Amino acid sequence: MPLVIVIGTGASEPNACAQMQAPAGMACVPGGPATIGSDRHGRPARPEHEVSISTFFIDTHEVTNAQYRECEAEGVCPRRRRLPRSYQRFLDADQPAIPISWKMAQTYCVWAGKRLPTEAEWEKVARGGDRRAFPWGDDSPSCDRAHFKGCKPSVTLPVGTRPVGPYGVYDMAGNGYEWVNDWASGCYGGCRDSCGEACRGQDPQGPCGGLPGCENRKKRLLKGGSWYWPAERTRAFARRAERPFSGLHRFSFRCASDTPTLTRAPFWHEAARAELDLPDAPSSEALEIANRVRNDEAVLEIKTCANQGDAQWSCRDPMSYVQSNEAQRGVYRPYIENLGGA
């Protein structure tokens, strides 16, 4: 059975946020309609259309270098090593985390008990839920509103330097280009490589629902423009496609969540486990049963992918296990349930 991820709570009333306390560093975005795309600014953003977004939470700021280093220090997030000297100006603690690939961003958000926002969610926040082109409205960008090519200094600014936008969220235009969860498409509709129905309706998640493998899709999406690119890239409906492994000194991100209750991962994090009231340890008999494994020959019939960690719909990870104790998973369930990870 294929994995299905449900995004959003289904709430659509504007008072939903009044009933929930947002997690620290996050803002509540009330559910409701949102205008996505534009008919006047090139094929990728066409056609302009309305979708419905459930109430969700989003980071008020881009994830900083200091925050990402916490994940690196715990051995979960990939370390950024051997960076060119020119990158050193971008690595202060309160600047947006760079250079970040899509996979690095996704790993951090899972570690933090969150997820990457969908393109539709991100665009709703940047546009305030209406048809505006920028967080502040439709007036042309200026360096006192956003940080883009031509603004000084030619480097990312500390997060929150420019005025706050809709829902109390900062830097949705310029500074660091931000990854979203969606696979890229050539347009929303009317072109050969369109997103179609996957970008419409309630809580759209883009091609293949944003899941790890998507046939004929090789790139993920970035939103918001950056310090490196000109002002037109900062339009909320602008879309940029890049390979998930690409990470430059202008690629950053922020995280989102369906719920105000965050569960950090991985579940074997000792600091997190120390705060939990776990049941007594399984008996030696239960452990013996749980540790019984059997050969899983079927997985060997699927061809391997070229790279470790790069499982797709058509191939398996070279490190895929060939033995399993899945049938005895109930023994460990009380110790890992709701603790994040896998």
C-alpha atoms as a PDB file:
ATOM      1  CA  MET A   1       0.000   0.000   0.000  1.00  0.00           C
ATOM      2  CA  PRO A   2       1.478   3.392  -0.943  1.00  0.00           C
ATOM      3  CA  LEU A   3       2.331   5.887   1.781  1.00  0.00           C
ATOM      4  CA  VAL A   4      -0.194   8.724   2.054  1.00  0.00           C
ATOM      5  CA  ILE A   5       0.653  11.989   3.803  1.00  0.00           C
ATOM      6  CA  VAL A   6      -2.234  14.227   4.812  1.00  0.00           C
ATOM      7  CA  ILE A   7      -1.393  17.925   4.991  1.00  0.00           C
ATOM      8  CA  GLY A   8      -3.589  20.248   7.036  1.00  0.00           C
ATOM      9  CA  THR A   9      -6.289  19.866   9.654  1.00  0.00           C
ATOM     10  CA  GLY A  10      -9.255  20.713   7.489  1.00  0.00           C
ATOM     11  CA  ALA A  11     -10.010  23.838   9.522  1.00  0.00           C
ATOM     12  CA  SER A  12     -11.097  26.785   7.429  1.00  0.00           C
ATOM     13  CA  GLU A  13     -12.622  29.251   9.875  1.00  0.00           C
ATOM     14  CA  PRO A  14     -10.659  32.476  10.525  1.00  0.00           C
ATOM     15  CA  ASN A  15     -11.028  32.028  14.286  1.00  0.00           C
ATOM     16  CA  ALA A  16      -9.089  28.745  14.306  1.00  0.00           C
ATOM     17  CA  CYS A  17      -5.855  30.449  15.368  1.00  0.00           C
ATOM     18  CA  ALA A  18      -7.540  32.087  18.352  1.00  0.00           C
ATOM     19  CA  GLN A  19      -8.165  28.612  19.729  1.00  0.00           C
ATOM     20  CA  MET A  20      -4.569  27.379  19.419  1.00  0.00           C
ATOM     21  CA  GLN A  21      -1.232  28.502  20.858  1.00  0.00           C
ATOM     22  CA  ALA A  22       1.454  28.598  18.172  1.00  0.00           C
ATOM     23  CA  PRO A  23       4.733  26.832  19.000  1.00  0.00           C
ATOM     24  CA  ALA A  24       7.664  29.083  19.921  1.00  0.00           C
ATOM     25  CA  GLY A  25       9.044  30.841  16.856  1.00  0.00           C
ATOM     26  CA  MET A  26       6.034  29.956  14.700  1.00  0.00           C
ATOM     27  CA  ALA A  27       2.924  31.813  13.541  1.00  0.00           C
ATOM     28  CA  CYS A  28      -0.573  30.421  13.093  1.00  0.00           C
ATOM     29  CA  VAL A  29      -2.025  30.875   9.613  1.00  0.00           C
ATOM     30  CA  PRO A  30      -5.843  30.592   9.603  1.00  0.00           C
ATOM     31  CA  GLY A  31      -7.395  28.274   7.073  1.00  0.00           C
ATOM     32  CA  GLY A  32      -9.333  29.577   4.109  1.00  0.00           C
ATOM     33  CA  PRO A  33      -9.047  30.491   0.425  1.00  0.00           C
ATOM     34  CA  ALA A  34      -5.802  31.650  -1.137  1.00  0.00           C
ATOM     35  CA  THR A  35      -4.952  33.019  -4.572  1.00  0.00           C
ATOM     36  CA  ILE A  36      -2.065  31.163  -6.203  1.00  0.00           C
ATOM     37  CA  GLY A  37      -0.176  32.093  -9.374  1.00  0.00           C
ATOM     38  CA  SER A  38      -0.582  34.955 -11.825  1.00  0.00           C
ATOM     39  CA  ASP A  39      -1.772  35.348 -15.409  1.00  0.00           C
ATOM     40  CA  ARG A  40       0.508  38.333 -16.076  1.00  0.00           C
ATOM     41  CA  HIS A  41       4.039  37.224 -15.213  1.00  0.00           C
ATOM     42  CA  GLY A  42       5.154  34.320 -17.386  1.00  0.00           C
ATOM     43  CA  ARG A  43       4.186  30.717 -17.996  1.00  0.00           C
ATOM     44  CA  PRO A  44       5.419  29.083 -14.741  1.00  0.00           C
ATOM     45  CA  ALA A  45       2.918  31.081 -12.640  1.00  0.00           C
ATOM     46  CA  ARG A  46      -0.068  30.509 -14.960  1.00  0.00           C
ATOM     47  CA  PRO A  47      -2.948  30.294 -14.544  1.00  0.00           C
ATOM     48  CA  GLU A  48      -3.937  32.300 -11.475  1.00  0.00           C
ATOM     49  CA  HIS A  49      -6.328  30.177  -9.435  1.00  0.00           C
ATOM     50  CA  GLU A  50      -7.850  29.822  -5.995  1.00  0.00           C
ATOM     51  CA  VAL A  51      -7.165  26.974  -3.578  1.00  0.00           C
ATOM     52  CA  SER A  52      -8.193  26.271  -0.009  1.00  0.00           C
ATOM     53  CA  ILE A  53      -5.617  25.933   2.762  1.00  0.00           C
ATOM     54  CA  SER A  54      -6.207  24.367   6.181  1.00  0.00           C
ATOM     55  CA  THR A  55      -5.025  26.117   9.318  1.00  0.00           C
ATOM     56  CA  PHE A  56      -1.295  25.494   9.837  1.00  0.00           C
ATOM     57  CA  PHE A  57       1.801  26.903  11.537  1.00  0.00           C
ATOM     58  CA  ILE A  58       4.934  28.331   9.912  1.00  0.00           C
ATOM     59  CA  ASP A  59       8.275  29.612  11.210  1.00  0.00           C
ATOM     60  CA  THR A  60       8.225  33.369  11.646  1.00  0.00           C
ATOM     61  CA  HIS A  61      11.846  33.530  10.427  1.00  0.00           C
ATOM     62  CA  GLU A  62      14.070  31.582   8.091  1.00  0.00           C
ATOM     63  CA  VAL A  63      16.020  28.853   9.906  1.00  0.00           C
ATOM     64  CA  THR A  64      19.308  30.392  11.041  1.00  0.00           C
ATOM     65  CA  ASN A  65      22.862  29.079  10.911  1.00  0.00           C
ATOM     66  CA  ALA A  66      22.784  28.729  14.708  1.00  0.00           C
ATOM     67  CA  GLN A  67      19.646  26.593  14.579  1.00  0.00           C
ATOM     68  CA  TYR A  68      20.974  24.388  11.807  1.00  0.00           C
ATOM     69  CA  ARG A  69      24.244  23.891  13.707  1.00  0.00           C
ATOM     70  CA  GLU A  70      22.266  22.373  16.588  1.00  0.00           C
ATOM     71  CA  CYS A  71      21.009  19.687  14.215  1.00  0.00           C
ATOM     72  CA  GLU A  72      24.520  19.180  12.826  1.00  0.00           C
ATOM     73  CA  ALA A  73      25.904  18.815  16.364  1.00  0.00           C
ATOM     74  CA  GLU A  74      23.429  16.026  17.122  1.00  0.00           C
ATOM     75  CA  GLY A  75      24.607  14.112  14.076  1.00  0.00           C
ATOM     76  CA  VAL A  76      21.262  14.299  12.280  1.00  0.00           C
ATOM     77  CA  CYS A  77      21.666  17.066   9.677  1.00  0.00           C
ATOM     78  CA  PRO A  78      24.413  16.801   7.044  1.00  0.00           C
ATOM     79  CA  ARG A  79      27.409  18.936   7.994  1.00  0.00           C
ATOM     80  CA  ARG A  80      28.391  21.823   5.747  1.00  0.00           C
ATOM     81  CA  ARG A  81      32.127  21.191   5.265  1.00  0.00           C
ATOM     82  CA  ARG A  82      34.911  22.706   3.168  1.00  0.00           C
ATOM     83  CA  LEU A  83      32.946  25.812   2.256  1.00  0.00           C
ATOM     84  CA  PRO A  84      34.742  28.316   0.000  1.00  0.00           C
ATOM     85  CA  ARG A  85      36.205  31.360   1.721  1.00  0.00           C
ATOM     86  CA  SER A  86      33.591  33.537   0.009  1.00  0.00           C
ATOM     87  CA  TYR A  87      30.871  31.756   2.005  1.00  0.00           C
ATOM     88  CA  GLN A  88      32.237  32.853   5.383  1.00  0.00           C
ATOM     89  CA  ARG A  89      30.344  36.169   5.185  1.00  0.00           C
ATOM     90  CA  PHE A  90      27.090  34.190   5.194  1.00  0.00           C
ATOM     91  CA  LEU A  91      27.677  32.039   8.279  1.00  0.00           C
ATOM     92  CA  ASP A  92      26.940  34.340  11.232  1.00  0.00           C
ATOM     93  CA  ALA A  93      24.618  32.777  13.781  1.00  0.00           C
ATOM     94  CA  ASP A  94      21.557  34.902  12.983  1.00  0.00           C
ATOM     95  CA  GLN A  95      21.828  34.843   9.192  1.00  0.00           C
ATOM     96  CA  PRO A  96      19.647  32.369   7.222  1.00  0.00           C
ATOM     97  CA  ALA A  97      21.221  28.905   7.130  1.00  0.00           C
ATOM     98  CA  ILE A  98      23.142  28.429   3.882  1.00  0.00           C
ATOM     99  CA  PRO A  99      24.151  26.603   1.754  1.00  0.00           C
ATOM    100  CA  ILE A 100      21.127  24.317   2.068  1.00  0.00           C
ATOM    101  CA  SER A 101      19.898  21.669  -0.352  1.00  0.00           C
ATOM    102  CA  TRP A 102      16.284  20.482  -0.348  1.00  0.00           C
ATOM    103  CA  LYS A 103      17.305  17.259   1.332  1.00  0.00           C
ATOM    104  CA  MET A 104      19.140  19.147   4.089  1.00  0.00           C
ATOM    105  CA  ALA A 105      16.110  21.369   4.659  1.00  0.00           C
ATOM    106  CA  GLN A 106      13.755  18.407   4.818  1.00  0.00           C
ATOM    107  CA  THR A 107      16.042  16.597   7.270  1.00  0.00           C
ATOM    108  CA  TYR A 108      16.178  19.604   9.591  1.00  0.00           C
ATOM    109  CA  CYS A 109      12.415  20.089   9.606  1.00  0.00           C
ATOM    110  CA  VAL A 110      11.803  16.430  10.496  1.00  0.00           C
ATOM    111  CA  TRP A 111      14.419  16.666  13.271  1.00  0.00           C
ATOM    112  CA  ALA A 112      12.606  19.738  14.625  1.00  0.00           C
ATOM    113  CA  GLY A 113       9.263  17.904  14.619  1.00  0.00           C
ATOM    114  CA  LYS A 114       8.018  19.905  11.652  1.00  0.00           C
ATOM    115  CA  ARG A 115       7.936  19.633   7.853  1.00  0.00           C
ATOM    116  CA  LEU A 116       8.630  21.794   4.826  1.00  0.00           C
ATOM    117  CA  PRO A 117       5.686  23.995   3.805  1.00  0.00           C
ATOM    118  CA  THR A 118       3.893  23.290   0.557  1.00  0.00           C
ATOM    119  CA  GLU A 119       4.157  25.867  -2.207  1.00  0.00           C
ATOM    120  CA  ALA A 120       0.503  26.827  -1.718  1.00  0.00           C
ATOM    121  CA  GLU A 121       0.981  27.314   2.028  1.00  0.00           C
ATOM    122  CA  TRP A 122       4.123  29.386   1.500  1.00  0.00           C
ATOM    123  CA  GLU A 123       2.412  31.549  -1.121  1.00  0.00           C
ATOM    124  CA  LYS A 124      -0.643  32.127   1.067  1.00  0.00           C
ATOM    125  CA  VAL A 125       1.613  33.469   3.833  1.00  0.00           C
ATOM    126  CA  ALA A 126       3.583  35.695   1.445  1.00  0.00           C
ATOM    127  CA  ARG A 127       0.425  37.127  -0.146  1.00  0.00           C
ATOM    128  CA  GLY A 128      -1.634  37.444   3.008  1.00  0.00           C
ATOM    129  CA  GLY A 129      -4.340  35.235   1.535  1.00  0.00           C
ATOM    130  CA  ASP A 130      -5.286  37.718  -1.214  1.00  0.00           C
ATOM    131  CA  ARG A 131      -4.047  38.655  -4.698  1.00  0.00           C
ATOM    132  CA  ARG A 132      -1.140  40.922  -3.705  1.00  0.00           C
ATOM    133  CA  ALA A 133       2.187  40.322  -5.402  1.00  0.00           C
ATOM    134  CA  PHE A 134       4.417  40.994  -2.382  1.00  0.00           C
ATOM    135  CA  PRO A 135       4.020  40.707   1.400  1.00  0.00           C
ATOM    136  CA  TRP A 136       3.461  44.482   1.639  1.00  0.00           C
ATOM    137  CA  GLY A 137       1.057  44.763  -1.328  1.00  0.00           C
ATOM    138  CA  ASP A 138       1.560  45.542  -5.023  1.00  0.00           C
ATOM    139  CA  ASP A 139       3.985  48.472  -4.770  1.00  0.00           C
ATOM    140  CA  SER A 140       7.405  47.877  -6.333  1.00  0.00           C
ATOM    141  CA  PRO A 141      10.090  46.352  -4.080  1.00  0.00           C
ATOM    142  CA  SER A 142      12.538  48.680  -2.351  1.00  0.00           C
ATOM    143  CA  CYS A 143      15.575  47.912  -0.229  1.00  0.00           C
ATOM    144  CA  ASP A 144      13.800  49.020   2.929  1.00  0.00           C
ATOM    145  CA  ARG A 145      11.110  46.372   2.311  1.00  0.00           C
ATOM    146  CA  ALA A 146      13.150  43.425   1.026  1.00  0.00           C
ATOM    147  CA  HIS A 147      16.772  42.420   0.436  1.00  0.00           C
ATOM    148  CA  PHE A 148      17.485  41.638  -3.240  1.00  0.00           C
ATOM    149  CA  LYS A 149      20.148  42.234  -5.914  1.00  0.00           C
ATOM    150  CA  GLY A 150      21.395  45.810  -5.743  1.00  0.00           C
ATOM    151  CA  CYS A 151      20.623  46.263  -2.032  1.00  0.00           C
ATOM    152  CA  LYS A 152      23.593  46.612   0.290  1.00  0.00           C
ATOM    153  CA  PRO A 153      25.371  44.684   1.648  1.00  0.00           C
ATOM    154  CA  SER A 154      25.641  41.961  -1.007  1.00  0.00           C
ATOM    155  CA  VAL A 155      25.171  39.200   1.521  1.00  0.00           C
ATOM    156  CA  THR A 156      22.268  37.722   3.474  1.00  0.00           C
ATOM    157  CA  LEU A 157      20.980  39.893   6.317  1.00  0.00           C
ATOM    158  CA  PRO A 158      20.195  38.655   9.840  1.00  0.00           C
ATOM    159  CA  VAL A 159      16.664  37.227   9.830  1.00  0.00           C
ATOM    160  CA  GLY A 160      13.924  39.695  10.686  1.00  0.00           C
ATOM    161  CA  THR A 161      15.896  42.755   9.536  1.00  0.00           C
ATOM    162  CA  ARG A 162      13.154  43.931   7.157  1.00  0.00           C
ATOM    163  CA  PRO A 163       9.551  44.798   8.217  1.00  0.00           C
ATOM    164  CA  VAL A 164       7.198  42.006   9.208  1.00  0.00           C
ATOM    165  CA  GLY A 165       4.722  40.670   6.648  1.00  0.00           C
ATOM    166  CA  PRO A 166       1.319  38.969   6.870  1.00  0.00           C
ATOM    167  CA  TYR A 167       0.571  36.755   9.884  1.00  0.00           C
ATOM    168  CA  GLY A 168       3.666  38.069  11.701  1.00  0.00           C
ATOM    169  CA  VAL A 169       6.102  36.319   9.342  1.00  0.00           C
ATOM    170  CA  TYR A 170       9.379  37.908   8.154  1.00  0.00           C
ATOM    171  CA  ASP A 171      11.544  37.739   5.019  1.00  0.00           C
ATOM    172  CA  MET A 172       9.074  36.169   2.606  1.00  0.00           C
ATOM    173  CA  ALA A 173      10.595  38.390  -0.118  1.00  0.00           C
ATOM    174  CA  GLY A 174      14.350  38.341  -0.694  1.00  0.00           C
ATOM    175  CA  ASN A 175      17.216  37.485   1.665  1.00  0.00           C
ATOM    176  CA  GLY A 176      17.386  33.673   1.304  1.00  0.00           C
ATOM    177  CA  TYR A 177      15.640  31.669  -1.437  1.00  0.00           C
ATOM    178  CA  GLU A 178      13.385  29.207   0.402  1.00  0.00           C
ATOM    179  CA  TRP A 179      12.778  25.551  -0.392  1.00  0.00           C
ATOM    180  CA  VAL A 180       9.215  24.231  -0.314  1.00  0.00           C
ATOM    181  CA  ASN A 181       8.154  20.599  -0.379  1.00  0.00           C
ATOM    182  CA  ASP A 182       6.639  20.476  -3.897  1.00  0.00           C
ATOM    183  CA  TRP A 183       8.140  18.900  -6.977  1.00  0.00           C
ATOM    184  CA  ALA A 184       8.569  21.482  -9.728  1.00  0.00           C
ATOM    185  CA  SER A 185       6.250  21.769 -12.708  1.00  0.00           C
ATOM    186  CA  GLY A 186       6.358  23.893 -15.866  1.00  0.00           C
ATOM    187  CA  CYS A 187       3.113  25.678 -14.985  1.00  0.00           C
ATOM    188  CA  TYR A 188      -0.106  25.094 -13.066  1.00  0.00           C
ATOM    189  CA  GLY A 189      -2.114  24.305 -16.187  1.00  0.00           C
ATOM    190  CA  GLY A 190      -2.054  24.667 -19.963  1.00  0.00           C
ATOM    191  CA  CYS A 191       1.519  23.559 -20.690  1.00  0.00           C
ATOM    192  CA  ARG A 192       3.091  20.186 -21.455  1.00  0.00           C
ATOM    193  CA  ASP A 193       4.655  19.867 -18.010  1.00  0.00           C
ATOM    194  CA  SER A 194       1.743  21.237 -15.991  1.00  0.00           C
ATOM    195  CA  CYS A 195       0.928  20.420 -12.376  1.00  0.00           C
ATOM    196  CA  GLY A 196      -2.791  20.085 -13.093  1.00  0.00           C
ATOM    197  CA  GLU A 197      -5.159  18.905 -10.377  1.00  0.00           C
ATOM    198  CA  ALA A 198      -2.265  18.244  -7.987  1.00  0.00           C
ATOM    199  CA  CYS A 199      -1.975  22.034  -7.552  1.00  0.00           C
ATOM    200  CA  ARG A 200      -5.690  22.681  -7.043  1.00  0.00           C
ATOM    201  CA  GLY A 201      -8.443  22.127  -4.526  1.00  0.00           C
ATOM    202  CA  GLN A 202      -7.987  21.601  -0.797  1.00  0.00           C
ATOM    203  CA  ASP A 203      -4.400  21.695   0.523  1.00  0.00           C
ATOM    204  CA  PRO A 204      -2.638  21.021  -2.807  1.00  0.00           C
ATOM    205  CA  GLN A 205       0.733  19.337  -2.463  1.00  0.00           C
ATOM    206  CA  GLY A 206       1.984  19.410  -6.039  1.00  0.00           C
ATOM    207  CA  PRO A 207       3.023  16.497  -8.277  1.00  0.00           C
ATOM    208  CA  CYS A 208       3.017  13.074  -6.576  1.00  0.00           C
ATOM    209  CA  GLY A 209       1.854  14.703  -3.350  1.00  0.00           C
ATOM    210  CA  GLY A 210       5.440  15.816  -2.704  1.00  0.00           C
ATOM    211  CA  LEU A 211       6.440  12.227  -1.858  1.00  0.00           C
ATOM    212  CA  PRO A 212      10.089  11.094  -2.287  1.00  0.00           C
ATOM    213  CA  GLY A 213       9.730   9.490  -5.707  1.00  0.00           C
ATOM    214  CA  CYS A 214       7.966  11.193  -8.611  1.00  0.00           C
ATOM    215  CA  GLU A 215       8.269   9.811 -12.149  1.00  0.00           C
ATOM    216  CA  ASN A 216       9.829  12.266 -14.614  1.00  0.00           C
ATOM    217  CA  ARG A 217      10.245  14.929 -11.915  1.00  0.00           C
ATOM    218  CA  LYS A 218      13.825  15.809 -11.038  1.00  0.00           C
ATOM    219  CA  LYS A 219      13.575  19.214  -9.347  1.00  0.00           C
ATOM    220  CA  ARG A 220      11.958  20.784  -6.283  1.00  0.00           C
ATOM    221  CA  LEU A 221      10.723  24.355  -5.896  1.00  0.00           C
ATOM    222  CA  LEU A 222      12.199  27.495  -4.322  1.00  0.00           C
ATOM    223  CA  LYS A 223      10.199  30.613  -3.469  1.00  0.00           C
ATOM    224  CA  GLY A 224      10.750  34.239  -2.538  1.00  0.00           C
ATOM    225  CA  GLY A 225      13.887  35.289  -4.399  1.00  0.00           C
ATOM    226  CA  SER A 226      17.119  36.186  -2.622  1.00  0.00           C
ATOM    227  CA  TRP A 227      19.820  38.791  -2.073  1.00  0.00           C
ATOM    228  CA  TYR A 228      21.515  37.486  -5.250  1.00  0.00           C
ATOM    229  CA  TRP A 229      18.620  37.899  -7.715  1.00  0.00           C
ATOM    230  CA  PRO A 230      16.751  41.010  -8.958  1.00  0.00           C
ATOM    231  CA  ALA A 231      13.523  42.358  -7.500  1.00  0.00           C
ATOM    232  CA  GLU A 232      11.130  40.530  -9.854  1.00  0.00           C
ATOM    233  CA  ARG A 233      12.179  37.194  -8.323  1.00  0.00           C
ATOM    234  CA  THR A 234      10.739  38.334  -4.969  1.00  0.00           C
ATOM    235  CA  ARG A 235       7.127  38.189  -6.224  1.00  0.00           C
ATOM    236  CA  ALA A 236       5.216  35.719  -4.086  1.00  0.00           C
ATOM    237  CA  PHE A 237       4.000  33.744  -7.110  1.00  0.00           C
ATOM    238  CA  ALA A 238       7.464  33.459  -8.731  1.00  0.00           C
ATOM    239  CA  ARG A 239       8.731  29.865  -8.931  1.00  0.00           C
ATOM    240  CA  ARG A 240      12.248  28.496  -9.282  1.00  0.00           C
ATOM    241  CA  ALA A 241      13.098  24.841  -9.929  1.00  0.00           C
ATOM    242  CA  GLU A 242      16.356  23.264  -8.700  1.00  0.00           C
ATOM    243  CA  ARG A 243      17.635  19.741  -8.128  1.00  0.00           C
ATOM    244  CA  PRO A 244      17.129  18.580  -4.520  1.00  0.00           C
ATOM    245  CA  PHE A 245      20.883  18.087  -4.041  1.00  0.00           C
ATOM    246  CA  SER A 246      21.715  21.637  -5.132  1.00  0.00           C
ATOM    247  CA  GLY A 247      22.763  23.991  -2.343  1.00  0.00           C
ATOM    248  CA  LEU A 248      24.142  27.493  -2.924  1.00  0.00           C
ATOM    249  CA  HIS A 249      24.872  30.505  -0.732  1.00  0.00           C
ATOM    250  CA  ARG A 250      21.388  31.843  -1.459  1.00  0.00           C
ATOM    251  CA  PHE A 251      19.319  28.712  -0.751  1.00  0.00           C
ATOM    252  CA  SER A 252      17.681  28.591   2.676  1.00  0.00           C
ATOM    253  CA  PHE A 253      14.342  27.495   4.165  1.00  0.00           C
ATOM    254  CA  ARG A 254      11.786  27.639   6.949  1.00  0.00           C
ATOM    255  CA  CYS A 255       9.555  24.900   8.384  1.00  0.00           C
ATOM    256  CA  ALA A 256       5.827  24.395   8.909  1.00  0.00           C
ATOM    257  CA  SER A 257       3.566  22.175  11.020  1.00  0.00           C
ATOM    258  CA  ASP A 258      -0.039  20.986  10.976  1.00  0.00           C
ATOM    259  CA  THR A 259      -0.214  20.970  14.754  1.00  0.00           C
ATOM    260  CA  PRO A 260       0.982  23.180  17.627  1.00  0.00           C
ATOM    261  CA  THR A 261       2.372  20.067  19.334  1.00  0.00           C
ATOM    262  CA  LEU A 262       5.852  19.377  17.972  1.00  0.00           C
ATOM    263  CA  THR A 263       7.610  16.031  18.400  1.00  0.00           C
ATOM    264  CA  ARG A 264      11.318  16.239  17.762  1.00  0.00           C
ATOM    265  CA  ALA A 265      13.082  13.395  16.007  1.00  0.00           C
ATOM    266  CA  PRO A 266      14.861  11.050  16.016  1.00  0.00           C
ATOM    267  CA  PHE A 267      13.216   9.059  18.784  1.00  0.00           C
ATOM    268  CA  TRP A 268      16.558   7.762  20.086  1.00  0.00           C
ATOM    269  CA  HIS A 269      17.565  11.294  21.109  1.00  0.00           C
ATOM    270  CA  GLU A 270      18.422  10.700  24.786  1.00  0.00           C
ATOM    271  CA  ALA A 271      17.524  14.213  25.936  1.00  0.00           C
ATOM    272  CA  ALA A 272      14.024  13.788  24.543  1.00  0.00           C
ATOM    273  CA  ARG A 273      13.635  10.277  25.957  1.00  0.00           C
ATOM    274  CA  ALA A 274      14.615  11.448  29.451  1.00  0.00           C
ATOM    275  CA  GLU A 275      11.495  13.613  29.594  1.00  0.00           C
ATOM    276  CA  LEU A 276       9.143  10.743  28.746  1.00  0.00           C
ATOM    277  CA  ASP A 277       7.328   8.436  31.127  1.00  0.00           C
ATOM    278  CA  LEU A 278       8.091   5.168  29.357  1.00  0.00           C
ATOM    279  CA  PRO A 279       6.561   1.821  30.378  1.00  0.00           C
ATOM    280  CA  ASP A 280       8.667  -0.912  31.934  1.00  0.00           C
ATOM    281  CA  ALA A 281      11.164  -2.581  29.620  1.00  0.00           C
ATOM    282  CA  PRO A 282       9.929  -5.576  27.581  1.00  0.00           C
ATOM    283  CA  SER A 283      10.526  -8.983  29.104  1.00  0.00           C
ATOM    284  CA  SER A 284      13.398 -11.102  27.826  1.00  0.00           C
ATOM    285  CA  GLU A 285      10.843 -13.373  26.149  1.00  0.00           C
ATOM    286  CA  ALA A 286       9.189 -10.441  24.363  1.00  0.00           C
ATOM    287  CA  LEU A 287      12.567  -9.167  23.203  1.00  0.00           C
ATOM    288  CA  GLU A 288      13.540 -12.599  21.905  1.00  0.00           C
ATOM    289  CA  ILE A 289      10.335 -12.703  19.848  1.00  0.00           C
ATOM    290  CA  ALA A 290      10.815  -9.173  18.557  1.00  0.00           C
ATOM    291  CA  ASN A 291      14.388  -9.872  17.498  1.00  0.00           C
ATOM    292  CA  ARG A 292      13.482 -12.844  15.340  1.00  0.00           C
ATOM    293  CA  VAL A 293      14.009 -11.953  11.708  1.00  0.00           C
ATOM    294  CA  ARG A 294      13.140 -13.543   8.403  1.00  0.00           C
ATOM    295  CA  ASN A 295      14.552 -13.118   4.945  1.00  0.00           C
ATOM    296  CA  ASP A 296      12.706 -10.634   2.737  1.00  0.00           C
ATOM    297  CA  GLU A 297      13.528 -11.960  -0.711  1.00  0.00           C
ATOM    298  CA  ALA A 298      11.036  -9.751  -2.540  1.00  0.00           C
ATOM    299  CA  VAL A 299      13.069  -6.594  -1.976  1.00  0.00           C
ATOM    300  CA  LEU A 300      15.982  -8.129  -3.886  1.00  0.00           C
ATOM    301  CA  GLU A 301      13.833  -8.299  -7.020  1.00  0.00           C
ATOM    302  CA  ILE A 302      13.739  -4.483  -7.186  1.00  0.00           C
ATOM    303  CA  LYS A 303      16.753  -2.948  -8.910  1.00  0.00           C
ATOM    304  CA  THR A 304      19.018  -0.732  -6.794  1.00  0.00           C
ATOM    305  CA  CYS A 305      19.345   3.028  -7.264  1.00  0.00           C
ATOM    306  CA  ALA A 306      22.693   4.540  -8.198  1.00  0.00           C
ATOM    307  CA  ASN A 307      23.219   6.304  -4.864  1.00  0.00           C
ATOM    308  CA  GLN A 308      22.596   5.459  -1.236  1.00  0.00           C
ATOM    309  CA  GLY A 309      19.634   7.371   0.204  1.00  0.00           C
ATOM    310  CA  ASP A 310      18.165   8.004  -3.241  1.00  0.00           C
ATOM    311  CA  ALA A 311      15.228   5.572  -3.277  1.00  0.00           C
ATOM    312  CA  GLN A 312      12.701   6.273  -6.047  1.00  0.00           C
ATOM    313  CA  TRP A 313       9.443   4.741  -7.236  1.00  0.00           C
ATOM    314  CA  SER A 314      11.437   2.641  -9.718  1.00  0.00           C
ATOM    315  CA  CYS A 315      14.411   1.519  -7.587  1.00  0.00           C
ATOM    316  CA  ARG A 316      15.396   0.691  -4.017  1.00  0.00           C
ATOM    317  CA  ASP A 317      18.062   2.167  -1.776  1.00  0.00           C
ATOM    318  CA  PRO A 318      21.294   0.119  -2.030  1.00  0.00           C
ATOM    319  CA  MET A 319      21.183  -0.150   1.782  1.00  0.00           C
ATOM    320  CA  SER A 320      17.641  -1.590   1.868  1.00  0.00           C
ATOM    321  CA  TYR A 321      17.350  -4.262   4.522  1.00  0.00           C
ATOM    322  CA  VAL A 322      16.819  -7.875   3.496  1.00  0.00           C
ATOM    323  CA  GLN A 323      15.624  -9.131   6.872  1.00  0.00           C
ATOM    324  CA  SER A 324      12.674  -7.951   8.934  1.00  0.00           C
ATOM    325  CA  ASN A 325      11.042  -8.269  12.343  1.00  0.00           C
ATOM    326  CA  GLU A 326       8.074  -6.171  11.196  1.00  0.00           C
ATOM    327  CA  ALA A 327       5.559  -8.767  12.336  1.00  0.00           C
ATOM    328  CA  GLN A 328       6.735  -8.279  15.948  1.00  0.00           C
ATOM    329  CA  ARG A 329       6.665  -4.455  15.854  1.00  0.00           C
ATOM    330  CA  GLY A 330       4.058  -4.346  18.646  1.00  0.00           C
ATOM    331  CA  VAL A 331       6.692  -5.155  21.258  1.00  0.00           C
ATOM    332  CA  TYR A 332       8.488  -1.871  20.643  1.00  0.00           C
ATOM    333  CA  ARG A 333       5.427   0.261  19.880  1.00  0.00           C
ATOM    334  CA  PRO A 334       5.022   1.741  23.413  1.00  0.00           C
ATOM    335  CA  TYR A 335       8.634   2.977  23.331  1.00  0.00           C
ATOM    336  CA  ILE A 336       8.601   4.732  19.976  1.00  0.00           C
ATOM    337  CA  GLU A 337       5.001   5.836  19.454  1.00  0.00           C
ATOM    338  CA  ASN A 338       4.644   9.611  18.910  1.00  0.00           C
ATOM    339  CA  LEU A 339       8.386  10.143  19.297  1.00  0.00           C
ATOM    340  CA  GLY A 340       9.083  11.137  15.684  1.00  0.00           C
ATOM    341  CA  GLY A 341      11.587   9.478  13.386  1.00  0.00           C
ATOM    342  CA  ALA A 342      10.701   6.191  11.737  1.00  0.00           C
END
